[in-house]
């Protein structure tokens, strides 16, 4: 969490699981903007997606 500078951005690859809602809640508190991005070029059976966080708060 101390790697990203204030007002910095991240792109985090994630997979759908039970803990993902907790992670999303934490990230929403740390970034001004948080989006889920699902790439079009993925396997239909894959549960992968990306979190894109913009504007780190701390």
PDB file of N, CA and C in Angstrom:
ATOM      1  N   UNK A   1       0.812  -1.202   0.000  1.00  0.00           N
ATOM      2  CA  UNK A   1       0.000   0.000   0.000  1.00  0.00           C
ATOM      3  C   UNK A   1       0.850   1.258   0.000  1.00  0.00           C
ATOM      4  N   UNK A   2       2.080   1.162   0.407  1.00  0.00           N
ATOM      5  CA  UNK A   2       2.937   2.340   0.432  1.00  0.00           C
ATOM      6  C   UNK A   2       3.730   2.490  -0.855  1.00  0.00           C
ATOM      7  N   UNK A   3       3.484   1.628  -1.822  1.00  0.00           N
ATOM      8  CA  UNK A   3       4.214   1.676  -3.085  1.00  0.00           C
ATOM      9  C   UNK A   3       3.666   2.771  -3.991  1.00  0.00           C
ATOM     10  N   UNK A   4       2.371   2.982  -3.990  1.00  0.00           N
ATOM     11  CA  UNK A   4       1.739   3.967  -4.867  1.00  0.00           C
ATOM     12  C   UNK A   4       1.769   5.331  -4.189  1.00  0.00           C
ATOM     13  N   UNK A   5       2.262   6.338  -4.916  1.00  0.00           N
ATOM     14  CA  UNK A   5       2.340   7.688  -4.375  1.00  0.00           C
ATOM     15  C   UNK A   5       0.961   8.334  -4.323  1.00  0.00           C
ATOM     16  N   UNK A   6       0.864   9.385  -3.549  1.00  0.00           N
ATOM     17  CA  UNK A   6      -0.381  10.146  -3.456  1.00  0.00           C
ATOM     18  C   UNK A   6      -0.783  10.626  -4.849  1.00  0.00           C
ATOM     19  N   UNK A   7      -2.043  10.536  -5.155  1.00  0.00           N
ATOM     20  CA  UNK A   7      -2.626  10.845  -6.469  1.00  0.00           C
ATOM     21  C   UNK A   7      -2.170   9.883  -7.559  1.00  0.00           C
ATOM     22  N   UNK A   8      -1.515   8.788  -7.185  1.00  0.00           N
ATOM     23  CA  UNK A   8      -1.073   7.786  -8.145  1.00  0.00           C
ATOM     24  C   UNK A   8      -2.217   6.883  -8.582  1.00  0.00           C
ATOM     25  N   UNK A   9      -1.887   5.960  -9.496  1.00  0.00           N
ATOM     26  CA  UNK A   9      -2.888   5.057 -10.064  1.00  0.00           C
ATOM     27  C   UNK A   9      -2.403   3.618 -10.007  1.00  0.00           C
ATOM     28  N   UNK A  10      -3.349   2.675 -10.060  1.00  0.00           N
ATOM     29  CA  UNK A  10      -3.012   1.254 -10.113  1.00  0.00           C
ATOM     30  C   UNK A  10      -3.902   0.553 -11.132  1.00  0.00           C
ATOM     31  N   UNK A  11      -3.404  -0.578 -11.595  1.00  0.00           N
ATOM     32  CA  UNK A  11      -4.231  -1.520 -12.345  1.00  0.00           C
ATOM     33  C   UNK A  11      -3.917  -2.871 -11.725  1.00  0.00           C
ATOM     34  N   UNK A  12      -4.929  -3.524 -11.187  1.00  0.00           N
ATOM     35  CA  UNK A  12      -4.772  -4.748 -10.419  1.00  0.00           C
ATOM     36  C   UNK A  12      -5.615  -5.852 -11.036  1.00  0.00           C
ATOM     37  N   UNK A  13      -4.967  -6.940 -11.425  1.00  0.00           N
ATOM     38  CA  UNK A  13      -5.698  -8.081 -11.976  1.00  0.00           C
ATOM     39  C   UNK A  13      -6.274  -8.889 -10.820  1.00  0.00           C
ATOM     40  N   UNK A  14      -7.534  -9.284 -10.952  1.00  0.00           N
ATOM     41  CA  UNK A  14      -8.193 -10.032  -9.884  1.00  0.00           C
ATOM     42  C   UNK A  14      -9.090 -11.108 -10.486  1.00  0.00           C
ATOM     43  N   UNK A  15      -9.470 -12.050  -9.652  1.00  0.00           N
ATOM     44  CA  UNK A  15     -10.390 -13.113 -10.038  1.00  0.00           C
ATOM     45  C   UNK A  15     -11.544 -13.111  -9.054  1.00  0.00           C
ATOM     46  N   UNK A  16     -12.739 -13.366  -9.536  1.00  0.00           N
ATOM     47  CA  UNK A  16     -13.923 -13.344  -8.691  1.00  0.00           C
ATOM     48  C   UNK A  16     -13.832 -14.446  -7.635  1.00  0.00           C
ATOM     49  N   UNK A  17     -13.987 -14.057  -6.369  1.00  0.00           N
ATOM     50  CA  UNK A  17     -13.952 -15.000  -5.248  1.00  0.00           C
ATOM     51  C   UNK A  17     -14.700 -14.367  -4.075  1.00  0.00           C
ATOM     52  N   UNK A  18     -14.764 -15.076  -2.975  1.00  0.00           N
ATOM     53  CA  UNK A  18     -15.504 -14.591  -1.806  1.00  0.00           C
ATOM     54  C   UNK A  18     -14.903 -13.316  -1.216  1.00  0.00           C
ATOM     55  N   UNK A  19     -13.589 -13.188  -1.226  1.00  0.00           N
ATOM     56  CA  UNK A  19     -12.912 -12.062  -0.583  1.00  0.00           C
ATOM     57  C   UNK A  19     -12.875 -10.803  -1.444  1.00  0.00           C
ATOM     58  N   UNK A  20     -13.309 -10.876  -2.684  1.00  0.00           N
ATOM     59  CA  UNK A  20     -13.135  -9.754  -3.604  1.00  0.00           C
ATOM     60  C   UNK A  20     -13.953  -8.535  -3.200  1.00  0.00           C
ATOM     61  N   UNK A  21     -15.111  -8.729  -2.594  1.00  0.00           N
ATOM     62  CA  UNK A  21     -15.933  -7.586  -2.165  1.00  0.00           C
ATOM     63  C   UNK A  21     -15.234  -6.795  -1.062  1.00  0.00           C
ATOM     64  N   UNK A  22     -14.551  -7.493  -0.162  1.00  0.00           N
ATOM     65  CA  UNK A  22     -13.801  -6.810   0.893  1.00  0.00           C
ATOM     66  C   UNK A  22     -12.644  -6.012   0.295  1.00  0.00           C
ATOM     67  N   UNK A  23     -11.926  -6.606  -0.650  1.00  0.00           N
ATOM     68  CA  UNK A  23     -10.831  -5.902  -1.317  1.00  0.00           C
ATOM     69  C   UNK A  23     -11.360  -4.669  -2.046  1.00  0.00           C
ATOM     70  N   UNK A  24     -12.475  -4.812  -2.741  1.00  0.00           N
ATOM     71  CA  UNK A  24     -13.052  -3.679  -3.467  1.00  0.00           C
ATOM     72  C   UNK A  24     -13.439  -2.555  -2.505  1.00  0.00           C
ATOM     73  N   UNK A  25     -13.998  -2.894  -1.371  1.00  0.00           N
ATOM     74  CA  UNK A  25     -14.378  -1.887  -0.374  1.00  0.00           C
ATOM     75  C   UNK A  25     -13.143  -1.133   0.133  1.00  0.00           C
ATOM     76  N   UNK A  26     -12.056  -1.862   0.392  1.00  0.00           N
ATOM     77  CA  UNK A  26     -10.817  -1.221   0.844  1.00  0.00           C
ATOM     78  C   UNK A  26     -10.246  -0.301  -0.230  1.00  0.00           C
ATOM     79  N   UNK A  27     -10.242  -0.768  -1.470  1.00  0.00           N
ATOM     80  CA  UNK A  27      -9.705   0.045  -2.564  1.00  0.00           C
ATOM     81  C   UNK A  27     -10.545   1.298  -2.795  1.00  0.00           C
ATOM     82  N   UNK A  28     -11.858   1.197  -2.649  1.00  0.00           N
ATOM     83  CA  UNK A  28     -12.731   2.373  -2.819  1.00  0.00           C
ATOM     84  C   UNK A  28     -12.410   3.447  -1.786  1.00  0.00           C
ATOM     85  N   UNK A  29     -11.971   3.031  -0.601  1.00  0.00           N
ATOM     86  CA  UNK A  29     -11.578   3.992   0.420  1.00  0.00           C
ATOM     87  C   UNK A  29     -10.227   4.629   0.155  1.00  0.00           C
ATOM     88  N   UNK A  30      -9.385   3.971  -0.638  1.00  0.00           N
ATOM     89  CA  UNK A  30      -8.032   4.465  -0.888  1.00  0.00           C
ATOM     90  C   UNK A  30      -7.889   5.260  -2.179  1.00  0.00           C
ATOM     91  N   UNK A  31      -8.836   5.113  -3.114  1.00  0.00           N
ATOM     92  CA  UNK A  31      -8.741   5.786  -4.414  1.00  0.00           C
ATOM     93  C   UNK A  31      -9.977   6.635  -4.663  1.00  0.00           C
ATOM     94  N   UNK A  32      -9.770   7.785  -5.291  1.00  0.00           N
ATOM     95  CA  UNK A  32     -10.888   8.676  -5.605  1.00  0.00           C
ATOM     96  C   UNK A  32     -11.832   8.038  -6.611  1.00  0.00           C
ATOM     97  N   UNK A  33     -11.272   7.302  -7.574  1.00  0.00           N
ATOM     98  CA  UNK A  33     -12.065   6.624  -8.604  1.00  0.00           C
ATOM     99  C   UNK A  33     -11.620   5.171  -8.657  1.00  0.00           C
ATOM    100  N   UNK A  34     -12.557   4.242  -8.597  1.00  0.00           N
ATOM    101  CA  UNK A  34     -12.245   2.820  -8.738  1.00  0.00           C
ATOM    102  C   UNK A  34     -13.231   2.217  -9.729  1.00  0.00           C
ATOM    103  N   UNK A  35     -12.691   1.559 -10.737  1.00  0.00           N
ATOM    104  CA  UNK A  35     -13.512   0.927 -11.768  1.00  0.00           C
ATOM    105  C   UNK A  35     -13.131  -0.530 -11.912  1.00  0.00           C
ATOM    106  N   UNK A  36     -14.116  -1.346 -12.242  1.00  0.00           N
ATOM    107  CA  UNK A  36     -13.880  -2.739 -12.644  1.00  0.00           C
ATOM    108  C   UNK A  36     -13.856  -2.765 -14.159  1.00  0.00           C
ATOM    109  N   UNK A  37     -12.849  -3.404 -14.716  1.00  0.00           N
ATOM    110  CA  UNK A  37     -12.725  -3.498 -16.168  1.00  0.00           C
ATOM    111  C   UNK A  37     -12.645  -4.965 -16.546  1.00  0.00           C
ATOM    112  N   UNK A  38     -13.534  -5.402 -17.438  1.00  0.00           N
ATOM    113  CA  UNK A  38     -13.521  -6.781 -17.929  1.00  0.00           C
ATOM    114  C   UNK A  38     -13.105  -6.725 -19.396  1.00  0.00           C
ATOM    115  N   UNK A  39     -11.934  -7.282 -19.713  1.00  0.00           N
ATOM    116  CA  UNK A  39     -11.468  -7.217 -21.098  1.00  0.00           C
ATOM    117  C   UNK A  39     -12.355  -8.030 -22.034  1.00  0.00           C
ATOM    118  N   UNK A  40     -12.548  -7.529 -23.236  1.00  0.00           N
ATOM    119  CA  UNK A  40     -13.353  -8.241 -24.232  1.00  0.00           C
ATOM    120  C   UNK A  40     -12.641  -9.502 -24.701  1.00  0.00           C
ATOM    121  N   UNK A  41     -11.325  -9.455 -24.741  1.00  0.00           N
ATOM    122  CA  UNK A  41     -10.538 -10.584 -25.238  1.00  0.00           C
ATOM    123  C   UNK A  41     -10.166 -11.518 -24.090  1.00  0.00           C
ATOM    124  N   UNK A  42     -11.158 -12.096 -23.450  1.00  0.00           N
ATOM    125  CA  UNK A  42     -10.904 -13.071 -22.385  1.00  0.00           C
ATOM    126  C   UNK A  42     -11.725 -14.319 -22.664  1.00  0.00           C
ATOM    127  N   UNK A  43     -11.337 -15.395 -22.047  1.00  0.00           N
ATOM    128  CA  UNK A  43     -12.108 -16.631 -22.205  1.00  0.00           C
ATOM    129  C   UNK A  43     -13.458 -16.480 -21.525  1.00  0.00           C
ATOM    130  N   UNK A  44     -14.458 -17.062 -22.091  1.00  0.00           N
ATOM    131  CA  UNK A  44     -15.809 -16.950 -21.525  1.00  0.00           C
ATOM    132  C   UNK A  44     -15.903 -17.607 -20.156  1.00  0.00           C
ATOM    133  N   UNK A  45     -15.074 -18.603 -19.901  1.00  0.00           N
ATOM    134  CA  UNK A  45     -15.116 -19.309 -18.623  1.00  0.00           C
ATOM    135  C   UNK A  45     -14.246 -18.639 -17.559  1.00  0.00           C
ATOM    136  N   UNK A  46     -13.477 -17.634 -17.933  1.00  0.00           N
ATOM    137  CA  UNK A  46     -12.573 -16.976 -16.993  1.00  0.00           C
ATOM    138  C   UNK A  46     -13.327 -15.968 -16.127  1.00  0.00           C
ATOM    139  N   UNK A  47     -12.945 -15.893 -14.858  1.00  0.00           N
ATOM    140  CA  UNK A  47     -13.564 -14.929 -13.946  1.00  0.00           C
ATOM    141  C   UNK A  47     -12.645 -13.733 -13.708  1.00  0.00           C
ATOM    142  N   UNK A  48     -11.653 -13.549 -14.592  1.00  0.00           N
ATOM    143  CA  UNK A  48     -10.700 -12.464 -14.397  1.00  0.00           C
ATOM    144  C   UNK A  48     -11.302 -11.105 -14.745  1.00  0.00           C
ATOM    145  N   UNK A  49     -10.829 -10.089 -14.049  1.00  0.00           N
ATOM    146  CA  UNK A  49     -11.166  -8.700 -14.333  1.00  0.00           C
ATOM    147  C   UNK A  49     -10.063  -7.850 -13.733  1.00  0.00           C
ATOM    148  N   UNK A  50     -10.123  -6.562 -13.952  1.00  0.00           N
ATOM    149  CA  UNK A  50      -9.112  -5.644 -13.438  1.00  0.00           C
ATOM    150  C   UNK A  50      -9.777  -4.560 -12.613  1.00  0.00           C
ATOM    151  N   UNK A  51      -9.102  -4.153 -11.539  1.00  0.00           N
ATOM    152  CA  UNK A  51      -9.470  -2.951 -10.812  1.00  0.00           C
ATOM    153  C   UNK A  51      -8.557  -1.851 -11.329  1.00  0.00           C
ATOM    154  N   UNK A  52      -9.131  -0.720 -11.672  1.00  0.00           N
ATOM    155  CA  UNK A  52      -8.351   0.446 -12.062  1.00  0.00           C
ATOM    156  C   UNK A  52      -8.652   1.525 -11.035  1.00  0.00           C
ATOM    157  N   UNK A  53      -7.628   1.904 -10.278  1.00  0.00           N
ATOM    158  CA  UNK A  53      -7.773   2.918  -9.244  1.00  0.00           C
ATOM    159  C   UNK A  53      -7.042   4.185  -9.641  1.00  0.00           C
ATOM    160  N   UNK A  54      -7.717   5.314  -9.558  1.00  0.00           N
ATOM    161  CA  UNK A  54      -7.137   6.605  -9.930  1.00  0.00           C
ATOM    162  C   UNK A  54      -7.190   7.555  -8.745  1.00  0.00           C
ATOM    163  N   UNK A  55      -6.106   8.281  -8.510  1.00  0.00           N
ATOM    164  CA  UNK A  55      -6.081   9.303  -7.469  1.00  0.00           C
ATOM    165  C   UNK A  55      -5.999   8.750  -6.068  1.00  0.00           C
ATOM    166  N   UNK A  56      -4.844   8.156  -5.719  1.00  0.00           N
ATOM    167  CA  UNK A  56      -4.666   7.611  -4.364  1.00  0.00           C
ATOM    168  C   UNK A  56      -4.848   8.725  -3.340  1.00  0.00           C
ATOM    169  N   UNK A  57      -5.618   8.447  -2.324  1.00  0.00           N
ATOM    170  CA  UNK A  57      -5.973   9.461  -1.325  1.00  0.00           C
ATOM    171  C   UNK A  57      -4.868   9.751  -0.318  1.00  0.00           C
ATOM    172  N   UNK A  58      -4.132   8.770   0.140  1.00  0.00           N
ATOM    173  CA  UNK A  58      -3.175   8.980   1.237  1.00  0.00           C
ATOM    174  C   UNK A  58      -1.768   9.110   0.732  1.00  0.00           C
TER     175      UNK A  58
END
